[in-house]
Amino acid sequence: MQMDLAAKSAKLHATLQELGSVLVAYSGGTDSAYLAYVAHQALGEKMIAVIADSASLPRAELAAALAFATEHKIPIQILQTNELDNPDYQRNDARRCFHCKDELFTRMESERASRGFAHIAYGRNLDDDGDFRPGQQAAALHHTVAPLVTAQLTKSEIRQLAREANLSLADKPASACLASRIEYGRSVTRKNLSQVEQAEAALHALGFPQVRVRHHGDVARIEIAVEDLPRALNLAVLETITAAIKPLGFLYVTIDTEGYRSGSMNQTLLAASSIRPA
């Protein structure tokens, strides 16, 4: 029988208490932040939110994640990760996310063992199971647990519970790592990650909250939320966007007329039949 939301919330608390102690892989997104928040309620000092810091994490996202943890007195640790030093990660093929998460969970496993904590948890939810997510393979390899899945929580239900808890990030837009903006087959470098970060920051400053700047070498392909496209396609606004993005090292700036959609880079892999969604 399907549980109602209150029952799922209770299940999440019970699951975390049963774990005894846990390191939570924390990105600052709604899912991992809510998991960290509830884990702190359930376990107190027997939990630590661990955030991986590298060139693929925007500085604004790191600052927001640290501010949320401070606001709710959640114990937090910053781990410097070195996935950019891994040639398998730099190659930027369909396994990129695996190599990133393998680096993270390897480092977290060392922390877990040295601190005597029992488990590593991450913010996977039921909706994540229908997408192409190589990072889940790394999570399985390192025997991490997914309490949100155990509690049968979907993304929308997590947002609802976060609203009920008056958490400021309940409706925060999804924000994958900067490397997800680099076209597959193009090496991930600190330079192109910085280009994407600066370009998206410029678009946010222009009043576009939900954007992706997809890096195609000389071309910056901009995805903007569909509801904001009419304003973006105004000639004067287009000129402003171009003036903000071109100096970052792009020869061409384009607006994707389909608008923002999560995981659009994966379409190239699917079209080449090199992967199939899990």
C-alpha atoms as a PDB file:
ATOM      1  CA  MET A   1       0.000   0.000   0.000  1.00  0.00           C
ATOM      2  CA  GLN A   2       1.321   3.427  -0.949  1.00  0.00           C
ATOM      3  CA  MET A   3       2.343   5.612   2.003  1.00  0.00           C
ATOM      4  CA  ASP A   4       1.061   9.152   2.429  1.00  0.00           C
ATOM      5  CA  LEU A   5       3.534  11.996   2.811  1.00  0.00           C
ATOM      6  CA  ALA A   6       3.429  12.022   6.609  1.00  0.00           C
ATOM      7  CA  ALA A   7       4.181   8.306   6.685  1.00  0.00           C
ATOM      8  CA  LYS A   8       7.066   8.785   4.258  1.00  0.00           C
ATOM      9  CA  SER A   9       8.483  11.550   6.433  1.00  0.00           C
ATOM     10  CA  ALA A  10       8.263   9.305   9.479  1.00  0.00           C
ATOM     11  CA  LYS A  11       9.935   6.505   7.521  1.00  0.00           C
ATOM     12  CA  LEU A  12      12.795   8.811   6.589  1.00  0.00           C
ATOM     13  CA  HIS A  13      13.376   9.791  10.228  1.00  0.00           C
ATOM     14  CA  ALA A  14      13.240   6.170  11.351  1.00  0.00           C
ATOM     15  CA  THR A  15      15.610   5.060   8.592  1.00  0.00           C
ATOM     16  CA  LEU A  16      18.174   7.688   9.552  1.00  0.00           C
ATOM     17  CA  GLN A  17      17.934   6.832  13.233  1.00  0.00           C
ATOM     18  CA  GLU A  18      18.494   3.165  12.412  1.00  0.00           C
ATOM     19  CA  LEU A  19      21.682   4.051  10.542  1.00  0.00           C
ATOM     20  CA  GLY A  20      23.207   5.266  13.811  1.00  0.00           C
ATOM     21  CA  SER A  21      25.745   7.653  12.290  1.00  0.00           C
ATOM     22  CA  VAL A  22      26.159   8.946   8.767  1.00  0.00           C
ATOM     23  CA  LEU A  23      28.153  11.175   6.458  1.00  0.00           C
ATOM     24  CA  VAL A  24      25.794  12.858   4.003  1.00  0.00           C
ATOM     25  CA  ALA A  25      27.065  13.700   0.516  1.00  0.00           C
ATOM     26  CA  TYR A  26      25.882  17.306   0.384  1.00  0.00           C
ATOM     27  CA  SER A  27      25.762  19.475  -2.740  1.00  0.00           C
ATOM     28  CA  GLY A  28      23.494  22.273  -1.526  1.00  0.00           C
ATOM     29  CA  GLY A  29      20.640  21.183  -3.801  1.00  0.00           C
ATOM     30  CA  THR A  30      17.187  20.608  -2.370  1.00  0.00           C
ATOM     31  CA  ASP A  31      17.457  16.815  -2.106  1.00  0.00           C
ATOM     32  CA  SER A  32      20.813  16.578  -0.354  1.00  0.00           C
ATOM     33  CA  ALA A  33      20.089  19.638   1.784  1.00  0.00           C
ATOM     34  CA  TYR A  34      16.779  18.220   2.981  1.00  0.00           C
ATOM     35  CA  LEU A  35      18.463  14.887   3.685  1.00  0.00           C
ATOM     36  CA  ALA A  36      21.177  16.638   5.692  1.00  0.00           C
ATOM     37  CA  TYR A  37      18.572  18.677   7.571  1.00  0.00           C
ATOM     38  CA  VAL A  38      16.538  15.619   8.573  1.00  0.00           C
ATOM     39  CA  ALA A  39      19.668  13.592   9.350  1.00  0.00           C
ATOM     40  CA  HIS A  40      20.745  16.320  11.750  1.00  0.00           C
ATOM     41  CA  GLN A  41      17.329  16.235  13.403  1.00  0.00           C
ATOM     42  CA  ALA A  42      17.467  12.456  13.707  1.00  0.00           C
ATOM     43  CA  LEU A  43      21.123  11.990  14.653  1.00  0.00           C
ATOM     44  CA  GLY A  44      22.423  15.286  15.987  1.00  0.00           C
ATOM     45  CA  GLU A  45      26.230  15.293  16.055  1.00  0.00           C
ATOM     46  CA  LYS A  46      26.301  11.746  14.713  1.00  0.00           C
ATOM     47  CA  MET A  47      25.981  13.160  11.213  1.00  0.00           C
ATOM     48  CA  ILE A  48      28.179  15.393   9.082  1.00  0.00           C
ATOM     49  CA  ALA A  49      27.271  16.988   5.766  1.00  0.00           C
ATOM     50  CA  VAL A  50      30.254  16.625   3.423  1.00  0.00           C
ATOM     51  CA  ILE A  51      30.522  18.917   0.418  1.00  0.00           C
ATOM     52  CA  ALA A  52      33.037  18.289  -2.354  1.00  0.00           C
ATOM     53  CA  ASP A  53      34.805  21.443  -3.516  1.00  0.00           C
ATOM     54  CA  SER A  54      36.477  21.587  -6.910  1.00  0.00           C
ATOM     55  CA  ALA A  55      36.489  23.758 -10.023  1.00  0.00           C
ATOM     56  CA  SER A  56      33.213  22.137 -11.138  1.00  0.00           C
ATOM     57  CA  LEU A  57      31.300  23.672  -8.204  1.00  0.00           C
ATOM     58  CA  PRO A  58      30.248  27.305  -8.715  1.00  0.00           C
ATOM     59  CA  ARG A  59      31.450  29.612  -5.944  1.00  0.00           C
ATOM     60  CA  ALA A  60      27.915  30.917  -5.476  1.00  0.00           C
ATOM     61  CA  GLU A  61      26.623  27.366  -4.941  1.00  0.00           C
ATOM     62  CA  LEU A  62      29.343  26.627  -2.384  1.00  0.00           C
ATOM     63  CA  ALA A  63      28.553  29.812  -0.480  1.00  0.00           C
ATOM     64  CA  ALA A  64      24.819  29.056  -0.490  1.00  0.00           C
ATOM     65  CA  ALA A  65      25.388  25.485   0.694  1.00  0.00           C
ATOM     66  CA  LEU A  66      27.602  26.635   3.563  1.00  0.00           C
ATOM     67  CA  ALA A  67      25.085  29.334   4.525  1.00  0.00           C
ATOM     68  CA  PHE A  68      22.241  26.796   4.678  1.00  0.00           C
ATOM     69  CA  ALA A  69      24.288  24.492   6.906  1.00  0.00           C
ATOM     70  CA  THR A  70      25.231  27.371   9.185  1.00  0.00           C
ATOM     71  CA  GLU A  71      21.622  28.580   9.400  1.00  0.00           C
ATOM     72  CA  HIS A  72      20.438  25.156  10.569  1.00  0.00           C
ATOM     73  CA  LYS A  73      23.536  24.351  12.652  1.00  0.00           C
ATOM     74  CA  ILE A  74      24.282  21.299  10.520  1.00  0.00           C
ATOM     75  CA  PRO A  75      27.846  20.005  11.018  1.00  0.00           C
ATOM     76  CA  ILE A  76      29.685  20.363   7.725  1.00  0.00           C
ATOM     77  CA  GLN A  77      33.028  19.459   6.245  1.00  0.00           C
ATOM     78  CA  ILE A  78      34.518  20.646   2.960  1.00  0.00           C
ATOM     79  CA  LEU A  79      36.483  18.020   1.038  1.00  0.00           C
ATOM     80  CA  GLN A  80      38.809  19.180  -1.714  1.00  0.00           C
ATOM     81  CA  THR A  81      38.381  16.674  -4.542  1.00  0.00           C
ATOM     82  CA  ASN A  82      40.752  16.195  -7.453  1.00  0.00           C
ATOM     83  CA  GLU A  83      38.662  14.687 -10.239  1.00  0.00           C
ATOM     84  CA  LEU A  84      40.154  17.198 -12.700  1.00  0.00           C
ATOM     85  CA  ASP A  85      43.523  15.462 -12.271  1.00  0.00           C
ATOM     86  CA  ASN A  86      42.022  12.186 -13.490  1.00  0.00           C
ATOM     87  CA  PRO A  87      42.464  11.687 -17.291  1.00  0.00           C
ATOM     88  CA  ASP A  88      39.358   9.465 -17.334  1.00  0.00           C
ATOM     89  CA  TYR A  89      37.329  12.389 -15.962  1.00  0.00           C
ATOM     90  CA  GLN A  90      39.000  14.971 -18.214  1.00  0.00           C
ATOM     91  CA  ARG A  91      38.156  12.870 -21.283  1.00  0.00           C
ATOM     92  CA  ASN A  92      34.495  13.722 -20.668  1.00  0.00           C
ATOM     93  CA  ASP A  93      32.779  10.671 -22.075  1.00  0.00           C
ATOM     94  CA  ALA A  94      29.592   8.993 -20.865  1.00  0.00           C
ATOM     95  CA  ARG A  95      31.422   7.837 -17.716  1.00  0.00           C
ATOM     96  CA  ARG A  96      32.450  11.295 -16.523  1.00  0.00           C
ATOM     97  CA  CYS A  97      29.951  11.395 -13.654  1.00  0.00           C
ATOM     98  CA  PHE A  98      31.068   7.959 -12.513  1.00  0.00           C
ATOM     99  CA  HIS A  99      34.664   9.133 -12.146  1.00  0.00           C
ATOM    100  CA  CYS A 100      33.561  12.268 -10.290  1.00  0.00           C
ATOM    101  CA  LYS A 101      31.398  10.395  -7.803  1.00  0.00           C
ATOM    102  CA  ASP A 102      33.997   7.636  -7.442  1.00  0.00           C
ATOM    103  CA  GLU A 103      36.478  10.304  -6.346  1.00  0.00           C
ATOM    104  CA  LEU A 104      33.950  11.768  -3.913  1.00  0.00           C
ATOM    105  CA  PHE A 105      32.879   8.494  -2.339  1.00  0.00           C
ATOM    106  CA  THR A 106      36.466   7.217  -2.108  1.00  0.00           C
ATOM    107  CA  ARG A 107      37.384  10.331  -0.141  1.00  0.00           C
ATOM    108  CA  MET A 108      34.229  10.084   1.958  1.00  0.00           C
ATOM    109  CA  GLU A 109      34.935   6.436   2.733  1.00  0.00           C
ATOM    110  CA  SER A 110      38.312   7.416   4.169  1.00  0.00           C
ATOM    111  CA  GLU A 111      36.606  10.089   6.271  1.00  0.00           C
ATOM    112  CA  ARG A 112      33.922   7.663   7.381  1.00  0.00           C
ATOM    113  CA  ALA A 113      36.476   5.087   8.515  1.00  0.00           C
ATOM    114  CA  SER A 114      38.714   7.601  10.301  1.00  0.00           C
ATOM    115  CA  ARG A 115      35.786   9.132  12.166  1.00  0.00           C
ATOM    116  CA  GLY A 116      34.155   5.820  13.027  1.00  0.00           C
ATOM    117  CA  PHE A 117      30.890   6.640  11.284  1.00  0.00           C
ATOM    118  CA  ALA A 118      28.702   3.776  10.130  1.00  0.00           C
ATOM    119  CA  HIS A 119      27.395   4.860   6.723  1.00  0.00           C
ATOM    120  CA  ILE A 120      27.612   7.228   3.756  1.00  0.00           C
ATOM    121  CA  ALA A 121      24.268   8.540   2.474  1.00  0.00           C
ATOM    122  CA  TYR A 122      23.390  10.541  -0.609  1.00  0.00           C
ATOM    123  CA  GLY A 123      20.331  12.377  -1.893  1.00  0.00           C
ATOM    124  CA  ARG A 124      19.025  10.040  -4.570  1.00  0.00           C
ATOM    125  CA  ASN A 125      15.218  10.031  -4.776  1.00  0.00           C
ATOM    126  CA  LEU A 126      12.672   7.911  -6.657  1.00  0.00           C
ATOM    127  CA  ASP A 127      12.618  10.229  -9.684  1.00  0.00           C
ATOM    128  CA  ASP A 128      16.360   9.784 -10.231  1.00  0.00           C
ATOM    129  CA  ASP A 129      15.917   6.148 -11.218  1.00  0.00           C
ATOM    130  CA  GLY A 130      14.505   6.998 -14.648  1.00  0.00           C
ATOM    131  CA  ASP A 131      17.466   9.087 -15.858  1.00  0.00           C
ATOM    132  CA  PHE A 132      20.978   8.330 -17.057  1.00  0.00           C
ATOM    133  CA  ARG A 133      23.058   8.760 -13.902  1.00  0.00           C
ATOM    134  CA  PRO A 134      26.456   7.005 -13.903  1.00  0.00           C
ATOM    135  CA  GLY A 135      27.095   8.490 -10.455  1.00  0.00           C
ATOM    136  CA  GLN A 136      24.637   5.960  -9.061  1.00  0.00           C
ATOM    137  CA  GLN A 137      26.973   3.197 -10.194  1.00  0.00           C
ATOM    138  CA  ALA A 138      29.771   4.757  -8.144  1.00  0.00           C
ATOM    139  CA  ALA A 139      27.426   5.057  -5.175  1.00  0.00           C
ATOM    140  CA  ALA A 140      26.590   1.362  -5.414  1.00  0.00           C
ATOM    141  CA  LEU A 141      30.277   0.471  -5.708  1.00  0.00           C
ATOM    142  CA  HIS A 142      30.962   2.242  -2.417  1.00  0.00           C
ATOM    143  CA  HIS A 143      27.900   0.769  -0.668  1.00  0.00           C
ATOM    144  CA  THR A 144      26.285   4.125   0.022  1.00  0.00           C
ATOM    145  CA  VAL A 145      22.689   4.293   1.237  1.00  0.00           C
ATOM    146  CA  ALA A 146      19.803   6.330  -0.182  1.00  0.00           C
ATOM    147  CA  PRO A 147      17.374   7.105   2.670  1.00  0.00           C
ATOM    148  CA  LEU A 148      15.088   9.214   0.446  1.00  0.00           C
ATOM    149  CA  VAL A 149      14.537   6.178  -1.770  1.00  0.00           C
ATOM    150  CA  THR A 150      13.971   3.948   1.246  1.00  0.00           C
ATOM    151  CA  ALA A 151      11.254   6.395   2.319  1.00  0.00           C
ATOM    152  CA  GLN A 152       9.817   6.290  -1.251  1.00  0.00           C
ATOM    153  CA  LEU A 153      10.111  10.046  -1.674  1.00  0.00           C
ATOM    154  CA  THR A 154       9.862  11.763  -5.055  1.00  0.00           C
ATOM    155  CA  LYS A 155      11.421  15.107  -5.950  1.00  0.00           C
ATOM    156  CA  SER A 156       8.118  16.974  -5.617  1.00  0.00           C
ATOM    157  CA  GLU A 157       7.432  15.366  -2.233  1.00  0.00           C
ATOM    158  CA  ILE A 158      10.872  16.367  -0.963  1.00  0.00           C
ATOM    159  CA  ARG A 159      10.156  19.946  -2.022  1.00  0.00           C
ATOM    160  CA  GLN A 160       6.793  19.817  -0.234  1.00  0.00           C
ATOM    161  CA  LEU A 161       8.382  18.547   2.978  1.00  0.00           C
ATOM    162  CA  ALA A 162      11.044  21.242   2.709  1.00  0.00           C
ATOM    163  CA  ARG A 163       8.296  23.873   2.387  1.00  0.00           C
ATOM    164  CA  GLU A 164       6.552  22.481   5.448  1.00  0.00           C
ATOM    165  CA  ALA A 165       9.844  22.808   7.328  1.00  0.00           C
ATOM    166  CA  ASN A 166      10.157  26.424   6.079  1.00  0.00           C
ATOM    167  CA  LEU A 167      13.459  25.690   4.369  1.00  0.00           C
ATOM    168  CA  SER A 168      14.557  28.494   2.055  1.00  0.00           C
ATOM    169  CA  LEU A 169      15.706  26.146  -0.688  1.00  0.00           C
ATOM    170  CA  ALA A 170      12.443  24.218  -1.048  1.00  0.00           C
ATOM    171  CA  ASP A 171      11.908  25.649  -4.537  1.00  0.00           C
ATOM    172  CA  LYS A 172      15.547  26.084  -5.498  1.00  0.00           C
ATOM    173  CA  PRO A 173      16.136  25.286  -9.199  1.00  0.00           C
ATOM    174  CA  ALA A 174      18.173  22.185  -9.936  1.00  0.00           C
ATOM    175  CA  SER A 175      21.869  22.904 -10.396  1.00  0.00           C
ATOM    176  CA  ALA A 176      24.127  20.129 -11.686  1.00  0.00           C
ATOM    177  CA  CYS A 177      27.902  20.520 -11.663  1.00  0.00           C
ATOM    178  CA  LEU A 178      29.530  22.830 -14.186  1.00  0.00           C
ATOM    179  CA  ALA A 179      31.103  19.898 -16.050  1.00  0.00           C
ATOM    180  CA  SER A 180      27.635  18.810 -17.157  1.00  0.00           C
ATOM    181  CA  ARG A 181      27.579  21.889 -19.408  1.00  0.00           C
ATOM    182  CA  ILE A 182      30.632  20.791 -21.428  1.00  0.00           C
ATOM    183  CA  GLU A 183      29.782  18.841 -24.577  1.00  0.00           C
ATOM    184  CA  TYR A 184      30.773  15.180 -24.414  1.00  0.00           C
ATOM    185  CA  GLY A 185      34.178  14.527 -25.966  1.00  0.00           C
ATOM    186  CA  ARG A 186      35.497  18.010 -25.166  1.00  0.00           C
ATOM    187  CA  SER A 187      38.054  17.891 -22.368  1.00  0.00           C
ATOM    188  CA  VAL A 188      36.931  19.281 -19.042  1.00  0.00           C
ATOM    189  CA  THR A 189      39.387  22.000 -18.001  1.00  0.00           C
ATOM    190  CA  ARG A 190      39.467  24.694 -15.393  1.00  0.00           C
ATOM    191  CA  LYS A 191      39.266  27.247 -18.192  1.00  0.00           C
ATOM    192  CA  ASN A 192      36.037  26.019 -19.769  1.00  0.00           C
ATOM    193  CA  LEU A 193      34.470  25.423 -16.367  1.00  0.00           C
ATOM    194  CA  SER A 194      35.272  29.029 -15.472  1.00  0.00           C
ATOM    195  CA  GLN A 195      33.787  30.243 -18.764  1.00  0.00           C
ATOM    196  CA  VAL A 196      30.511  28.470 -18.004  1.00  0.00           C
ATOM    197  CA  GLU A 197      30.427  29.702 -14.408  1.00  0.00           C
ATOM    198  CA  GLN A 198      30.979  33.326 -15.441  1.00  0.00           C
ATOM    199  CA  ALA A 199      28.457  33.106 -18.282  1.00  0.00           C
ATOM    200  CA  GLU A 200      25.711  31.690 -16.062  1.00  0.00           C
ATOM    201  CA  ALA A 201      26.456  34.265 -13.373  1.00  0.00           C
ATOM    202  CA  ALA A 202      26.052  37.001 -16.001  1.00  0.00           C
ATOM    203  CA  LEU A 203      22.682  35.594 -17.073  1.00  0.00           C
ATOM    204  CA  HIS A 204      21.514  35.374 -13.468  1.00  0.00           C
ATOM    205  CA  ALA A 205      22.514  39.017 -13.038  1.00  0.00           C
ATOM    206  CA  LEU A 206      20.319  39.836 -16.046  1.00  0.00           C
ATOM    207  CA  GLY A 207      17.335  38.312 -14.253  1.00  0.00           C
ATOM    208  CA  PHE A 208      17.236  34.790 -15.696  1.00  0.00           C
ATOM    209  CA  PRO A 209      17.106  32.406 -12.699  1.00  0.00           C
ATOM    210  CA  GLN A 210      16.932  29.087 -14.570  1.00  0.00           C
ATOM    211  CA  VAL A 211      19.661  28.831 -17.204  1.00  0.00           C
ATOM    212  CA  ARG A 212      22.307  26.527 -18.601  1.00  0.00           C
ATOM    213  CA  VAL A 213      25.226  27.642 -20.742  1.00  0.00           C
ATOM    214  CA  ARG A 214      26.241  24.614 -22.813  1.00  0.00           C
ATOM    215  CA  HIS A 215      29.887  24.807 -23.893  1.00  0.00           C
ATOM    216  CA  HIS A 216      30.476  23.746 -27.511  1.00  0.00           C
ATOM    217  CA  GLY A 217      33.963  25.159 -27.939  1.00  0.00           C
ATOM    218  CA  ASP A 218      33.606  28.470 -29.790  1.00  0.00           C
ATOM    219  CA  VAL A 219      29.819  28.353 -29.284  1.00  0.00           C
ATOM    220  CA  ALA A 220      27.905  29.103 -26.095  1.00  0.00           C
ATOM    221  CA  ARG A 221      24.444  27.529 -26.422  1.00  0.00           C
ATOM    222  CA  ILE A 222      22.175  29.128 -23.845  1.00  0.00           C
ATOM    223  CA  GLU A 223      19.143  27.351 -22.443  1.00  0.00           C
ATOM    224  CA  ILE A 224      16.678  29.627 -20.649  1.00  0.00           C
ATOM    225  CA  ALA A 225      13.470  28.578 -18.910  1.00  0.00           C
ATOM    226  CA  VAL A 226      10.653  28.528 -21.472  1.00  0.00           C
ATOM    227  CA  GLU A 227       8.619  31.102 -19.565  1.00  0.00           C
ATOM    228  CA  ASP A 228      11.562  33.538 -19.813  1.00  0.00           C
ATOM    229  CA  LEU A 229      12.258  33.002 -23.514  1.00  0.00           C
ATOM    230  CA  PRO A 230       9.977  35.829 -24.757  1.00  0.00           C
ATOM    231  CA  ARG A 231      11.973  38.365 -22.766  1.00  0.00           C
ATOM    232  CA  ALA A 232      15.305  36.821 -23.795  1.00  0.00           C
ATOM    233  CA  LEU A 233      14.385  36.961 -27.490  1.00  0.00           C
ATOM    234  CA  ASN A 234      13.844  40.715 -27.406  1.00  0.00           C
ATOM    235  CA  LEU A 235      16.484  42.258 -29.673  1.00  0.00           C
ATOM    236  CA  ALA A 236      17.800  44.651 -27.034  1.00  0.00           C
ATOM    237  CA  VAL A 237      18.078  41.852 -24.468  1.00  0.00           C
ATOM    238  CA  LEU A 238      19.828  39.614 -26.998  1.00  0.00           C
ATOM    239  CA  GLU A 239      22.411  42.323 -27.562  1.00  0.00           C
ATOM    240  CA  THR A 240      22.939  42.594 -23.802  1.00  0.00           C
ATOM    241  CA  ILE A 241      23.344  38.821 -23.481  1.00  0.00           C
ATOM    242  CA  THR A 242      25.837  38.728 -26.341  1.00  0.00           C
ATOM    243  CA  ALA A 243      27.828  41.586 -24.843  1.00  0.00           C
ATOM    244  CA  ALA A 244      28.025  39.720 -21.532  1.00  0.00           C
ATOM    245  CA  ILE A 245      28.938  36.272 -22.890  1.00  0.00           C
ATOM    246  CA  LYS A 246      31.202  36.843 -25.897  1.00  0.00           C
ATOM    247  CA  PRO A 247      34.090  38.448 -23.961  1.00  0.00           C
ATOM    248  CA  LEU A 248      34.398  35.267 -21.881  1.00  0.00           C
ATOM    249  CA  GLY A 249      36.036  33.540 -24.856  1.00  0.00           C
ATOM    250  CA  PHE A 250      33.180  32.499 -27.153  1.00  0.00           C
ATOM    251  CA  LEU A 251      33.016  33.423 -30.844  1.00  0.00           C
ATOM    252  CA  TYR A 252      29.298  32.725 -31.104  1.00  0.00           C
ATOM    253  CA  VAL A 253      26.388  33.005 -28.684  1.00  0.00           C
ATOM    254  CA  THR A 254      23.125  31.196 -29.431  1.00  0.00           C
ATOM    255  CA  ILE A 255      19.773  30.857 -27.674  1.00  0.00           C
ATOM    256  CA  ASP A 256      18.331  27.333 -27.709  1.00  0.00           C
ATOM    257  CA  THR A 257      14.697  27.730 -28.793  1.00  0.00           C
ATOM    258  CA  GLU A 258      13.634  24.603 -26.863  1.00  0.00           C
ATOM    259  CA  GLY A 259      14.529  26.341 -23.622  1.00  0.00           C
ATOM    260  CA  TYR A 260      16.041  24.877 -20.483  1.00  0.00           C
ATOM    261  CA  ARG A 261      15.836  21.126 -19.991  1.00  0.00           C
ATOM    262  CA  SER A 262      17.800  18.985 -17.604  1.00  0.00           C
ATOM    263  CA  GLY A 263      20.305  16.589 -19.146  1.00  0.00           C
ATOM    264  CA  SER A 264      20.079  17.900 -22.691  1.00  0.00           C
ATOM    265  CA  MET A 265      23.712  16.958 -23.330  1.00  0.00           C
ATOM    266  CA  ASN A 266      22.755  13.298 -22.885  1.00  0.00           C
ATOM    267  CA  GLN A 267      20.710  13.494 -26.093  1.00  0.00           C
ATOM    268  CA  THR A 268      23.921  13.351 -28.133  1.00  0.00           C
ATOM    269  CA  LEU A 269      24.901  10.106 -26.441  1.00  0.00           C
ATOM    270  CA  LEU A 270      21.495   8.590 -27.019  1.00  0.00           C
ATOM    271  CA  ALA A 271      21.496   9.649 -30.646  1.00  0.00           C
ATOM    272  CA  ALA A 272      24.818   7.889 -31.142  1.00  0.00           C
ATOM    273  CA  SER A 273      23.381   4.764 -29.469  1.00  0.00           C
ATOM    274  CA  SER A 274      26.403   4.588 -27.222  1.00  0.00           C
ATOM    275  CA  ILE A 275      24.298   4.365 -24.050  1.00  0.00           C
ATOM    276  CA  ARG A 276      20.820   3.442 -23.003  1.00  0.00           C
ATOM    277  CA  PRO A 277      19.012   4.937 -19.990  1.00  0.00           C
ATOM    278  CA  ALA A 278      19.078   2.619 -17.018  1.00  0.00           C
END
